[in-house]
Amino acid sequence: MDGDDTPWSKGFLASSYASRGLKMRFTSGTGSEVQMGFAEGKSMLYLESRCLYVTKGCGVQGIQNGSVSCVGVPAGVPSGIRAILAENLIATMLDLECASSNDQTFTHSDLRRVARSLMQMVPGTDFICSGYSATPNYDNMFAGSNWDADDYDDWNIIQRDLKIDGGLRPVSEEDVVKVRNKAARVIQGLFKELGLTEITDEEVEAATYAHGSKDMPDRNVVEDLKAAEDMMARGTTGIEIIKAIYRAGFEDVADSVFKLAKQKVAGDYLHTAAILDKDFKVQSAVNCPNTYAGPKTGYQVEGERWEEIKNISNAVSPEDY
C-alpha cells in the first residue's frame, strides 16, 4: 500500500487484506507524513517513526521507506538525509523488511546522490534500492531515479572497492548485445503471434544498440494503442502470451516466463526479503535468514560471488604490464 494512503487508512486496508490471506508491504518515508497535515509541530523523523510502529502493529512484513518520492522534502532541510538513514535503521530494528528507497532523484550532484546511497549500501538493507532504473534518466517516467542505466559501471566498481554485494555483476559488451538482440526478437515474435502491430527488423537492430528512446525509430502510436485495446478486449492471458512466445521459436524464454507465472500463483516470493535465483527458487528471510551477530557473521561476500564482483572489464591484469 503506497504512501498516498494515510497510516490509518493503511491499517484498515491491511486488516481487510489479511482477512483474505494476502501478504502486504507498506510504503512510507520521512517527508510524506508532514505533507498530510496535522504534523503537530513534530519532526519528520518522529512522524515517520509513528508510521513504522503502525506498520509493525498491523502485522505487515515489510516497508519501502527512505523518504522514497518525498525525498526532496528532507533533502532540503538540515540533517534531512541523516533522518532518512535513521528511519531505515528503525525499520530494521523493528524486524521489518526494509527496501531503503534510493529510487527517486533529489539532486543533480553526483556526490550527493552517492553519499545518500552509501549509508544504506555499506551496512546493507534488504533492498538497497526500492527501484534501480534500467533506463537513462530522460526515459524514466518516475521523475528520474537516483541510479539509472548510466551508473552500472560505477555501481559495480563501488561493490569491488568496498567488497559489498549490491546485486549487480560485471558483464561483457558482447554478452549484453547478444541478450538485448534476443530480447528484441522475442518481442518481435510475440507481437506477430498476437496479431499486434509489426515490429520491423530495423527496430530490432535499433533496440539492440540503443541507449534510450531517442535512438529508436518512430512508431505509429495510434495503431499501437488500438492494438493494445484490442488485446485487452480479447482478454489475453499470461498463458496465451507464453504460448505465443513458444510458437515464435523461443522455447527457453517461454519456459522462463512460465516459471515466473507459476511463482505469481504460488506467492512464495512475497515472503520477507524474497528474491528469485537463476533457477527461479525463492530465497527469503524464511529459508535464508539474516544471522548477523557481529563481525564475520551472517552473509559474507566470498568465493565465486567475490570473484564475479572483482572481474570488472577495465581492471588491468599484472601480466599485461
C-alpha atoms as a PDB file:
ATOM      1  CA  MET A   1       0.000   0.000   0.000  1.00  0.00           C
ATOM      2  CA  ASP A   2       1.532   3.231  -1.159  1.00  0.00           C
ATOM      3  CA  GLY A   3       2.368   6.463   0.587  1.00  0.00           C
ATOM      4  CA  ASP A   4      -0.733   8.158  -0.802  1.00  0.00           C
ATOM      5  CA  ASP A   5      -2.685   6.391   1.940  1.00  0.00           C
ATOM      6  CA  THR A   6      -2.557   7.692   5.499  1.00  0.00           C
ATOM      7  CA  PRO A   7      -1.161   5.386   8.209  1.00  0.00           C
ATOM      8  CA  TRP A   8      -4.699   4.908   9.471  1.00  0.00           C
ATOM      9  CA  SER A   9      -6.235   4.005   6.117  1.00  0.00           C
ATOM     10  CA  LYS A  10      -3.342   1.605   5.574  1.00  0.00           C
ATOM     11  CA  GLY A  11      -4.173  -0.077   8.872  1.00  0.00           C
ATOM     12  CA  PHE A  12      -7.780  -0.533   7.779  1.00  0.00           C
ATOM     13  CA  LEU A  13      -6.749  -1.875   4.372  1.00  0.00           C
ATOM     14  CA  ALA A  14      -4.210  -4.218   5.969  1.00  0.00           C
ATOM     15  CA  SER A  15      -6.901  -5.837   8.113  1.00  0.00           C
ATOM     16  CA  SER A  16      -9.071  -6.251   5.025  1.00  0.00           C
ATOM     17  CA  TYR A  17      -6.270  -7.885   3.052  1.00  0.00           C
ATOM     18  CA  ALA A  18      -5.118 -10.062   5.957  1.00  0.00           C
ATOM     19  CA  SER A  19      -8.617 -11.460   6.403  1.00  0.00           C
ATOM     20  CA  ARG A  20      -8.309 -12.731   2.836  1.00  0.00           C
ATOM     21  CA  GLY A  21      -4.910 -14.314   3.384  1.00  0.00           C
ATOM     22  CA  LEU A  22      -2.933 -11.713   1.453  1.00  0.00           C
ATOM     23  CA  LYS A  23       0.588 -10.600   2.364  1.00  0.00           C
ATOM     24  CA  MET A  24       1.339  -6.897   2.421  1.00  0.00           C
ATOM     25  CA  ARG A  25       4.028  -4.262   2.351  1.00  0.00           C
ATOM     26  CA  PHE A  26       3.573  -0.604   3.181  1.00  0.00           C
ATOM     27  CA  THR A  27       5.282   2.464   1.781  1.00  0.00           C
ATOM     28  CA  SER A  28       6.122   5.466   3.924  1.00  0.00           C
ATOM     29  CA  GLY A  29       9.029   7.816   4.339  1.00  0.00           C
ATOM     30  CA  THR A  30      10.387  10.895   6.030  1.00  0.00           C
ATOM     31  CA  GLY A  31       8.665  13.876   4.453  1.00  0.00           C
ATOM     32  CA  SER A  32       5.467  12.105   3.434  1.00  0.00           C
ATOM     33  CA  GLU A  33       3.563  12.458   6.697  1.00  0.00           C
ATOM     34  CA  VAL A  34       4.309  16.154   7.092  1.00  0.00           C
ATOM     35  CA  GLN A  35       2.508  16.748   3.783  1.00  0.00           C
ATOM     36  CA  MET A  36      -0.646  15.037   5.054  1.00  0.00           C
ATOM     37  CA  GLY A  37      -1.332  17.748   7.615  1.00  0.00           C
ATOM     38  CA  PHE A  38      -1.750  17.521  11.400  1.00  0.00           C
ATOM     39  CA  ALA A  39       2.033  17.368  11.867  1.00  0.00           C
ATOM     40  CA  GLU A  40       1.529  18.680  15.432  1.00  0.00           C
ATOM     41  CA  GLY A  41       4.821  20.546  15.263  1.00  0.00           C
ATOM     42  CA  LYS A  42       6.731  17.253  15.429  1.00  0.00           C
ATOM     43  CA  SER A  43       9.846  16.369  13.463  1.00  0.00           C
ATOM     44  CA  MET A  44       9.602  14.436  10.215  1.00  0.00           C
ATOM     45  CA  LEU A  45      11.533  11.553  11.774  1.00  0.00           C
ATOM     46  CA  TYR A  46       9.146  11.401  14.729  1.00  0.00           C
ATOM     47  CA  LEU A  47       6.152  11.229  12.384  1.00  0.00           C
ATOM     48  CA  GLU A  48       7.822   8.533  10.283  1.00  0.00           C
ATOM     49  CA  SER A  49       8.676   6.557  13.425  1.00  0.00           C
ATOM     50  CA  ARG A  50       4.991   6.507  14.333  1.00  0.00           C
ATOM     51  CA  CYS A  51       4.207   5.198  10.848  1.00  0.00           C
ATOM     52  CA  LEU A  52       6.790   2.450  11.243  1.00  0.00           C
ATOM     53  CA  TYR A  53       5.288   1.346  14.537  1.00  0.00           C
ATOM     54  CA  VAL A  54       1.820   1.368  12.953  1.00  0.00           C
ATOM     55  CA  THR A  55       3.271  -0.801  10.177  1.00  0.00           C
ATOM     56  CA  LYS A  56       4.672  -3.256  12.707  1.00  0.00           C
ATOM     57  CA  GLY A  57       1.428  -3.242  14.667  1.00  0.00           C
ATOM     58  CA  CYS A  58      -0.575  -4.016  11.539  1.00  0.00           C
ATOM     59  CA  GLY A  59       1.393  -7.233  11.099  1.00  0.00           C
ATOM     60  CA  VAL A  60       2.793  -6.106   7.769  1.00  0.00           C
ATOM     61  CA  GLN A  61       6.005  -7.891   6.826  1.00  0.00           C
ATOM     62  CA  GLY A  62       7.903  -5.036   5.272  1.00  0.00           C
ATOM     63  CA  ILE A  63       8.101  -1.454   4.168  1.00  0.00           C
ATOM     64  CA  GLN A  64       9.518   0.623   1.364  1.00  0.00           C
ATOM     65  CA  ASN A  65      10.963   3.557   3.250  1.00  0.00           C
ATOM     66  CA  GLY A  66      13.794   6.010   2.984  1.00  0.00           C
ATOM     67  CA  SER A  67      11.651   9.009   2.050  1.00  0.00           C
ATOM     68  CA  VAL A  68      11.028   7.499  -1.432  1.00  0.00           C
ATOM     69  CA  SER A  69       9.262  10.059  -3.672  1.00  0.00           C
ATOM     70  CA  CYS A  70       9.158  12.639  -0.856  1.00  0.00           C
ATOM     71  CA  VAL A  71      12.959  12.777  -0.648  1.00  0.00           C
ATOM     72  CA  GLY A  72      13.023  16.371  -1.850  1.00  0.00           C
ATOM     73  CA  VAL A  73      11.461  17.474   1.452  1.00  0.00           C
ATOM     74  CA  PRO A  74      14.048  16.110   3.934  1.00  0.00           C
ATOM     75  CA  ALA A  75      16.857  16.711   1.419  1.00  0.00           C
ATOM     76  CA  GLY A  76      16.043  20.413   1.544  1.00  0.00           C
ATOM     77  CA  VAL A  77      16.485  20.841   5.305  1.00  0.00           C
ATOM     78  CA  PRO A  78      19.492  20.475   7.623  1.00  0.00           C
ATOM     79  CA  SER A  79      20.158  16.891   8.745  1.00  0.00           C
ATOM     80  CA  GLY A  80      17.351  15.655   6.496  1.00  0.00           C
ATOM     81  CA  ILE A  81      19.362  12.876   4.837  1.00  0.00           C
ATOM     82  CA  ARG A  82      20.515  11.788   8.299  1.00  0.00           C
ATOM     83  CA  ALA A  83      16.853  11.423   9.275  1.00  0.00           C
ATOM     84  CA  ILE A  84      16.313   9.143   6.271  1.00  0.00           C
ATOM     85  CA  LEU A  85      19.110   6.880   7.492  1.00  0.00           C
ATOM     86  CA  ALA A  86      17.522   6.838  10.937  1.00  0.00           C
ATOM     87  CA  GLU A  87      14.154   5.711   9.584  1.00  0.00           C
ATOM     88  CA  ASN A  88      15.846   2.852   7.699  1.00  0.00           C
ATOM     89  CA  LEU A  89      17.560   1.824  10.932  1.00  0.00           C
ATOM     90  CA  ILE A  90      14.293   1.916  12.879  1.00  0.00           C
ATOM     91  CA  ALA A  91      12.598  -0.248  10.237  1.00  0.00           C
ATOM     92  CA  THR A  92      15.407  -2.794  10.522  1.00  0.00           C
ATOM     93  CA  MET A  93      15.302  -2.754  14.329  1.00  0.00           C
ATOM     94  CA  LEU A  94      11.566  -3.474  14.143  1.00  0.00           C
ATOM     95  CA  ASP A  95      12.406  -6.545  12.019  1.00  0.00           C
ATOM     96  CA  LEU A  96      10.544  -5.175   9.025  1.00  0.00           C
ATOM     97  CA  GLU A  97      11.753  -5.933   5.534  1.00  0.00           C
ATOM     98  CA  CYS A  98      13.446  -2.687   4.528  1.00  0.00           C
ATOM     99  CA  ALA A  99      13.528  -1.548   0.912  1.00  0.00           C
ATOM    100  CA  SER A 100      15.533   1.602   1.554  1.00  0.00           C
ATOM    101  CA  SER A 101      14.419   3.699  -1.416  1.00  0.00           C
ATOM    102  CA  ASN A 102      17.354   5.271  -3.317  1.00  0.00           C
ATOM    103  CA  ASP A 103      14.995   5.450  -6.267  1.00  0.00           C
ATOM    104  CA  GLN A 104      13.597   8.975  -6.631  1.00  0.00           C
ATOM    105  CA  THR A 105      16.142  11.563  -7.733  1.00  0.00           C
ATOM    106  CA  PHE A 106      16.638  14.541  -5.418  1.00  0.00           C
ATOM    107  CA  THR A 107      19.774  16.285  -6.686  1.00  0.00           C
ATOM    108  CA  HIS A 108      21.855  16.905  -9.794  1.00  0.00           C
ATOM    109  CA  SER A 109      25.014  16.418  -7.747  1.00  0.00           C
ATOM    110  CA  ASP A 110      26.683  13.049  -8.312  1.00  0.00           C
ATOM    111  CA  LEU A 111      28.486  13.396  -4.986  1.00  0.00           C
ATOM    112  CA  ARG A 112      25.277  13.963  -3.008  1.00  0.00           C
ATOM    113  CA  ARG A 113      23.339  11.121  -4.588  1.00  0.00           C
ATOM    114  CA  VAL A 114      26.185   8.648  -3.997  1.00  0.00           C
ATOM    115  CA  ALA A 115      26.692   9.871  -0.425  1.00  0.00           C
ATOM    116  CA  ARG A 116      22.973   9.382   0.227  1.00  0.00           C
ATOM    117  CA  SER A 117      23.123   5.781  -1.049  1.00  0.00           C
ATOM    118  CA  LEU A 118      26.365   4.644   0.574  1.00  0.00           C
ATOM    119  CA  MET A 119      24.781   4.891   4.008  1.00  0.00           C
ATOM    120  CA  GLN A 120      22.460   2.040   3.041  1.00  0.00           C
ATOM    121  CA  MET A 121      24.912   0.235   0.772  1.00  0.00           C
ATOM    122  CA  VAL A 122      27.712  -0.139   3.336  1.00  0.00           C
ATOM    123  CA  PRO A 123      25.745  -1.571   6.297  1.00  0.00           C
ATOM    124  CA  GLY A 124      23.255  -3.261   3.967  1.00  0.00           C
ATOM    125  CA  THR A 125      19.474  -3.309   3.847  1.00  0.00           C
ATOM    126  CA  ASP A 126      17.122  -5.950   2.462  1.00  0.00           C
ATOM    127  CA  PHE A 127      16.890  -3.988  -0.788  1.00  0.00           C
ATOM    128  CA  ILE A 128      19.322  -1.072  -1.145  1.00  0.00           C
ATOM    129  CA  CYS A 129      17.248   0.394  -3.969  1.00  0.00           C
ATOM    130  CA  SER A 130      13.481   0.103  -3.987  1.00  0.00           C
ATOM    131  CA  GLY A 131      13.827   0.645  -7.708  1.00  0.00           C
ATOM    132  CA  TYR A 132      17.025   0.881  -9.752  1.00  0.00           C
ATOM    133  CA  SER A 133      16.192   2.434 -13.113  1.00  0.00           C
ATOM    134  CA  ALA A 134      17.123   0.285 -16.113  1.00  0.00           C
ATOM    135  CA  THR A 135      16.768   3.268 -18.463  1.00  0.00           C
ATOM    136  CA  PRO A 136      18.640   6.527 -18.991  1.00  0.00           C
ATOM    137  CA  ASN A 137      17.377   9.302 -16.735  1.00  0.00           C
ATOM    138  CA  TYR A 138      15.484  11.038 -19.557  1.00  0.00           C
ATOM    139  CA  ASP A 139      13.370   7.922 -20.158  1.00  0.00           C
ATOM    140  CA  ASN A 140      12.410   7.467 -16.504  1.00  0.00           C
ATOM    141  CA  MET A 141       8.736   8.347 -16.047  1.00  0.00           C
ATOM    142  CA  PHE A 142       9.139   8.381 -12.250  1.00  0.00           C
ATOM    143  CA  ALA A 143      10.626  11.896 -12.305  1.00  0.00           C
ATOM    144  CA  GLY A 144      14.097  10.404 -12.695  1.00  0.00           C
ATOM    145  CA  SER A 145      15.931   7.919 -10.499  1.00  0.00           C
ATOM    146  CA  ASN A 146      18.821   8.286  -8.074  1.00  0.00           C
ATOM    147  CA  TRP A 147      20.551   5.481 -10.005  1.00  0.00           C
ATOM    148  CA  ASP A 148      19.993   4.566 -13.641  1.00  0.00           C
ATOM    149  CA  ALA A 149      21.444   2.681 -16.603  1.00  0.00           C
ATOM    150  CA  ASP A 150      24.368   5.092 -16.937  1.00  0.00           C
ATOM    151  CA  ASP A 151      25.584   4.105 -13.467  1.00  0.00           C
ATOM    152  CA  TYR A 152      26.022   0.337 -13.865  1.00  0.00           C
ATOM    153  CA  ASP A 153      29.806   0.514 -14.183  1.00  0.00           C
ATOM    154  CA  ASP A 154      30.165   2.817 -11.178  1.00  0.00           C
ATOM    155  CA  TRP A 155      27.901   0.593  -9.074  1.00  0.00           C
ATOM    156  CA  ASN A 156      29.973  -2.471  -9.962  1.00  0.00           C
ATOM    157  CA  ILE A 157      33.218  -0.697  -9.092  1.00  0.00           C
ATOM    158  CA  ILE A 158      31.818   0.530  -5.746  1.00  0.00           C
ATOM    159  CA  GLN A 159      30.916  -3.093  -4.956  1.00  0.00           C
ATOM    160  CA  ARG A 160      34.508  -4.068  -5.756  1.00  0.00           C
ATOM    161  CA  ASP A 161      36.039  -1.147  -3.840  1.00  0.00           C
ATOM    162  CA  LEU A 162      34.126  -1.852  -0.632  1.00  0.00           C
ATOM    163  CA  LYS A 163      33.586  -5.624  -1.006  1.00  0.00           C
ATOM    164  CA  ILE A 164      29.828  -5.164  -0.938  1.00  0.00           C
ATOM    165  CA  ASP A 165      27.239  -7.301  -2.700  1.00  0.00           C
ATOM    166  CA  GLY A 166      24.914  -4.740  -4.255  1.00  0.00           C
ATOM    167  CA  GLY A 167      23.222  -7.268  -6.528  1.00  0.00           C
ATOM    168  CA  LEU A 168      24.870  -6.429  -9.866  1.00  0.00           C
ATOM    169  CA  ARG A 169      27.682  -8.193 -11.695  1.00  0.00           C
ATOM    170  CA  PRO A 170      30.025  -7.094 -14.475  1.00  0.00           C
ATOM    171  CA  VAL A 171      29.147  -8.347 -17.955  1.00  0.00           C
ATOM    172  CA  SER A 172      30.887  -8.104 -21.304  1.00  0.00           C
ATOM    173  CA  GLU A 173      29.631  -5.879 -24.107  1.00  0.00           C
ATOM    174  CA  GLU A 174      29.368  -8.963 -26.315  1.00  0.00           C
ATOM    175  CA  ASP A 175      27.008 -10.665 -23.851  1.00  0.00           C
ATOM    176  CA  VAL A 176      24.892  -7.527 -23.440  1.00  0.00           C
ATOM    177  CA  VAL A 177      24.457  -7.152 -27.212  1.00  0.00           C
ATOM    178  CA  LYS A 178      23.524 -10.822 -27.512  1.00  0.00           C
ATOM    179  CA  VAL A 179      20.910 -10.658 -24.757  1.00  0.00           C
ATOM    180  CA  ARG A 180      19.398  -7.390 -25.976  1.00  0.00           C
ATOM    181  CA  ASN A 181      19.122  -8.662 -29.542  1.00  0.00           C
ATOM    182  CA  LYS A 182      17.403 -11.840 -28.404  1.00  0.00           C
ATOM    183  CA  ALA A 183      15.008  -9.875 -26.201  1.00  0.00           C
ATOM    184  CA  ALA A 184      14.072  -7.624 -29.131  1.00  0.00           C
ATOM    185  CA  ARG A 185      13.478 -10.651 -31.367  1.00  0.00           C
ATOM    186  CA  VAL A 186      11.301 -12.261 -28.692  1.00  0.00           C
ATOM    187  CA  ILE A 187       9.099  -9.161 -28.566  1.00  0.00           C
ATOM    188  CA  GLN A 188       9.014  -9.050 -32.366  1.00  0.00           C
ATOM    189  CA  GLY A 189       7.842 -12.669 -32.499  1.00  0.00           C
ATOM    190  CA  LEU A 190       5.354 -12.172 -29.669  1.00  0.00           C
ATOM    191  CA  PHE A 191       3.743  -9.181 -31.390  1.00  0.00           C
ATOM    192  CA  LYS A 192       3.426 -11.170 -34.609  1.00  0.00           C
ATOM    193  CA  GLU A 193       1.842 -14.178 -32.885  1.00  0.00           C
ATOM    194  CA  LEU A 194      -0.645 -11.983 -31.008  1.00  0.00           C
ATOM    195  CA  GLY A 195      -1.598 -10.040 -34.127  1.00  0.00           C
ATOM    196  CA  LEU A 196      -0.253  -6.743 -32.809  1.00  0.00           C
ATOM    197  CA  THR A 197       1.396  -4.009 -34.853  1.00  0.00           C
ATOM    198  CA  GLU A 198       4.538  -5.094 -36.683  1.00  0.00           C
ATOM    199  CA  ILE A 199       7.999  -4.709 -35.187  1.00  0.00           C
ATOM    200  CA  THR A 200      10.446  -4.393 -38.056  1.00  0.00           C
ATOM    201  CA  ASP A 201      13.964  -5.802 -38.319  1.00  0.00           C
ATOM    202  CA  GLU A 202      15.175  -2.195 -38.322  1.00  0.00           C
ATOM    203  CA  GLU A 203      13.577  -1.678 -34.905  1.00  0.00           C
ATOM    204  CA  VAL A 204      15.122  -4.894 -33.582  1.00  0.00           C
ATOM    205  CA  GLU A 205      18.558  -3.710 -34.684  1.00  0.00           C
ATOM    206  CA  ALA A 206      17.995  -0.267 -33.149  1.00  0.00           C
ATOM    207  CA  ALA A 207      16.791  -1.745 -29.844  1.00  0.00           C
ATOM    208  CA  THR A 208      19.886  -3.944 -29.690  1.00  0.00           C
ATOM    209  CA  TYR A 209      22.246  -0.973 -29.579  1.00  0.00           C
ATOM    210  CA  ALA A 210      20.045   1.937 -28.420  1.00  0.00           C
ATOM    211  CA  HIS A 211      20.982   3.932 -25.346  1.00  0.00           C
ATOM    212  CA  GLY A 212      17.375   5.031 -24.904  1.00  0.00           C
ATOM    213  CA  SER A 213      14.179   6.025 -26.685  1.00  0.00           C
ATOM    214  CA  LYS A 214      15.943   8.835 -28.550  1.00  0.00           C
ATOM    215  CA  ASP A 215      17.804   6.183 -30.555  1.00  0.00           C
ATOM    216  CA  MET A 216      14.669   4.302 -31.618  1.00  0.00           C
ATOM    217  CA  PRO A 217      12.708   4.807 -34.862  1.00  0.00           C
ATOM    218  CA  ASP A 218       9.321   6.500 -34.554  1.00  0.00           C
ATOM    219  CA  ARG A 219       6.294   4.226 -34.291  1.00  0.00           C
ATOM    220  CA  ASN A 220       2.644   4.740 -35.172  1.00  0.00           C
ATOM    221  CA  VAL A 221       1.452   5.316 -31.617  1.00  0.00           C
ATOM    222  CA  VAL A 222      -2.220   5.430 -32.616  1.00  0.00           C
ATOM    223  CA  GLU A 223      -2.028   1.968 -34.187  1.00  0.00           C
ATOM    224  CA  ASP A 224      -0.080   0.646 -31.184  1.00  0.00           C
ATOM    225  CA  LEU A 225      -2.795   1.889 -28.826  1.00  0.00           C
ATOM    226  CA  LYS A 226      -5.530   0.361 -30.981  1.00  0.00           C
ATOM    227  CA  ALA A 227      -3.705  -2.979 -30.947  1.00  0.00           C
ATOM    228  CA  ALA A 228      -3.304  -2.822 -27.171  1.00  0.00           C
ATOM    229  CA  GLU A 229      -7.003  -2.062 -26.705  1.00  0.00           C
ATOM    230  CA  ASP A 230      -7.886  -4.970 -28.992  1.00  0.00           C
ATOM    231  CA  MET A 231      -5.659  -7.324 -26.983  1.00  0.00           C
ATOM    232  CA  MET A 232      -7.304  -6.194 -23.747  1.00  0.00           C
ATOM    233  CA  ALA A 233     -10.753  -6.669 -25.260  1.00  0.00           C
ATOM    234  CA  ARG A 234      -9.813 -10.223 -26.222  1.00  0.00           C
ATOM    235  CA  GLY A 235      -8.910 -10.923 -22.595  1.00  0.00           C
ATOM    236  CA  THR A 236      -5.433 -12.157 -23.475  1.00  0.00           C
ATOM    237  CA  THR A 237      -3.979 -14.147 -20.575  1.00  0.00           C
ATOM    238  CA  GLY A 238      -0.449 -14.803 -19.410  1.00  0.00           C
ATOM    239  CA  ILE A 239      -0.678 -18.391 -20.627  1.00  0.00           C
ATOM    240  CA  GLU A 240      -1.575 -17.183 -24.121  1.00  0.00           C
ATOM    241  CA  ILE A 241       1.484 -14.932 -24.097  1.00  0.00           C
ATOM    242  CA  ILE A 242       3.675 -17.861 -23.025  1.00  0.00           C
ATOM    243  CA  LYS A 243       2.250 -19.991 -25.839  1.00  0.00           C
ATOM    244  CA  ALA A 244       2.845 -17.178 -28.334  1.00  0.00           C
ATOM    245  CA  ILE A 245       6.497 -16.886 -27.298  1.00  0.00           C
ATOM    246  CA  TYR A 246       6.853 -20.657 -27.671  1.00  0.00           C
ATOM    247  CA  ARG A 247       5.284 -20.625 -31.152  1.00  0.00           C
ATOM    248  CA  ALA A 248       7.651 -17.808 -32.136  1.00  0.00           C
ATOM    249  CA  GLY A 249      10.530 -20.239 -31.581  1.00  0.00           C
ATOM    250  CA  PHE A 250      11.824 -19.074 -28.200  1.00  0.00           C
ATOM    251  CA  GLU A 251      11.105 -22.154 -26.102  1.00  0.00           C
ATOM    252  CA  ASP A 252      13.649 -21.280 -23.392  1.00  0.00           C
ATOM    253  CA  VAL A 253      12.153 -17.818 -22.866  1.00  0.00           C
ATOM    254  CA  ALA A 254       8.644 -19.269 -22.797  1.00  0.00           C
ATOM    255  CA  ASP A 255       9.799 -21.714 -20.117  1.00  0.00           C
ATOM    256  CA  SER A 256      11.257 -18.885 -18.011  1.00  0.00           C
ATOM    257  CA  VAL A 257       8.092 -16.786 -18.295  1.00  0.00           C
ATOM    258  CA  PHE A 258       6.036 -19.869 -17.386  1.00  0.00           C
ATOM    259  CA  LYS A 259       8.136 -20.428 -14.253  1.00  0.00           C
ATOM    260  CA  LEU A 260       7.708 -16.765 -13.347  1.00  0.00           C
ATOM    261  CA  ALA A 261       3.937 -17.058 -13.824  1.00  0.00           C
ATOM    262  CA  LYS A 262       3.885 -20.087 -11.523  1.00  0.00           C
ATOM    263  CA  GLN A 263       5.635 -18.033  -8.854  1.00  0.00           C
ATOM    264  CA  LYS A 264       2.910 -15.396  -9.104  1.00  0.00           C
ATOM    265  CA  VAL A 265       0.333 -18.099  -8.386  1.00  0.00           C
ATOM    266  CA  ALA A 266       2.298 -19.712  -5.547  1.00  0.00           C
ATOM    267  CA  GLY A 267       3.175 -16.369  -3.967  1.00  0.00           C
ATOM    268  CA  ASP A 268       6.273 -17.632  -2.136  1.00  0.00           C
ATOM    269  CA  TYR A 269       8.229 -14.631  -3.416  1.00  0.00           C
ATOM    270  CA  LEU A 270       6.023 -12.465  -1.199  1.00  0.00           C
ATOM    271  CA  HIS A 271       7.858 -13.723   1.877  1.00  0.00           C
ATOM    272  CA  THR A 272      10.048 -11.188   3.652  1.00  0.00           C
ATOM    273  CA  ALA A 273      13.124 -10.005   1.701  1.00  0.00           C
ATOM    274  CA  ALA A 274      12.494 -12.558  -1.052  1.00  0.00           C
ATOM    275  CA  ILE A 275      14.330 -12.836  -4.362  1.00  0.00           C
ATOM    276  CA  LEU A 276      14.319 -15.435  -7.133  1.00  0.00           C
ATOM    277  CA  ASP A 277      17.622 -17.090  -8.031  1.00  0.00           C
ATOM    278  CA  LYS A 278      18.626 -18.124 -11.553  1.00  0.00           C
ATOM    279  CA  ASP A 279      16.639 -21.346 -11.159  1.00  0.00           C
ATOM    280  CA  PHE A 280      13.509 -19.465 -10.013  1.00  0.00           C
ATOM    281  CA  LYS A 281      13.917 -20.752  -6.467  1.00  0.00           C
ATOM    282  CA  VAL A 282      12.836 -18.349  -3.730  1.00  0.00           C
ATOM    283  CA  GLN A 283      15.396 -17.132  -1.212  1.00  0.00           C
ATOM    284  CA  SER A 284      13.861 -15.175   1.651  1.00  0.00           C
ATOM    285  CA  ALA A 285      14.080 -14.487   5.369  1.00  0.00           C
ATOM    286  CA  VAL A 286      12.235 -17.787   5.843  1.00  0.00           C
ATOM    287  CA  ASN A 287      14.782 -20.150   4.276  1.00  0.00           C
ATOM    288  CA  CYS A 288      17.812 -17.821   4.241  1.00  0.00           C
ATOM    289  CA  PRO A 289      17.532 -15.737   7.437  1.00  0.00           C
ATOM    290  CA  ASN A 290      19.777 -12.865   8.475  1.00  0.00           C
ATOM    291  CA  THR A 291      22.083 -14.466  11.049  1.00  0.00           C
ATOM    292  CA  TYR A 292      24.282 -11.421  11.623  1.00  0.00           C
ATOM    293  CA  ALA A 293      25.568 -11.322  15.207  1.00  0.00           C
ATOM    294  CA  GLY A 294      28.714  -9.220  14.844  1.00  0.00           C
ATOM    295  CA  PRO A 295      31.840  -9.054  12.661  1.00  0.00           C
ATOM    296  CA  LYS A 296      32.456 -12.074  10.386  1.00  0.00           C
ATOM    297  CA  THR A 297      28.960 -13.449  10.971  1.00  0.00           C
ATOM    298  CA  GLY A 298      25.983 -13.576   8.635  1.00  0.00           C
ATOM    299  CA  TYR A 299      26.331 -13.242   4.867  1.00  0.00           C
ATOM    300  CA  GLN A 300      29.908 -12.888   3.634  1.00  0.00           C
ATOM    301  CA  VAL A 301      30.981 -11.809   0.147  1.00  0.00           C
ATOM    302  CA  GLU A 302      33.360 -14.600  -0.769  1.00  0.00           C
ATOM    303  CA  GLY A 303      34.087 -17.472  -3.130  1.00  0.00           C
ATOM    304  CA  GLU A 304      32.515 -17.459  -6.576  1.00  0.00           C
ATOM    305  CA  ARG A 305      30.461 -14.310  -5.901  1.00  0.00           C
ATOM    306  CA  TRP A 306      33.532 -12.312  -4.828  1.00  0.00           C
ATOM    307  CA  GLU A 307      35.429 -13.449  -7.928  1.00  0.00           C
ATOM    308  CA  GLU A 308      32.469 -12.314 -10.031  1.00  0.00           C
ATOM    309  CA  ILE A 309      32.375  -8.867  -8.392  1.00  0.00           C
ATOM    310  CA  LYS A 310      36.128  -8.388  -8.801  1.00  0.00           C
ATOM    311  CA  ASN A 311      36.064  -9.170 -12.520  1.00  0.00           C
ATOM    312  CA  ILE A 312      35.372  -5.666 -13.858  1.00  0.00           C
ATOM    313  CA  SER A 313      36.182  -5.121 -17.531  1.00  0.00           C
ATOM    314  CA  ASN A 314      38.534  -2.158 -17.031  1.00  0.00           C
ATOM    315  CA  ALA A 315      40.762  -3.818 -14.431  1.00  0.00           C
ATOM    316  CA  VAL A 316      44.317  -4.215 -15.738  1.00  0.00           C
ATOM    317  CA  SER A 317      45.961  -7.574 -15.144  1.00  0.00           C
ATOM    318  CA  PRO A 318      49.542  -7.525 -13.746  1.00  0.00           C
ATOM    319  CA  GLU A 319      50.530  -9.802 -16.643  1.00  0.00           C
ATOM    320  CA  ASP A 320      49.630  -7.028 -19.095  1.00  0.00           C
ATOM    321  CA  TYR A 321      52.243  -4.593 -17.770  1.00  0.00           C
END
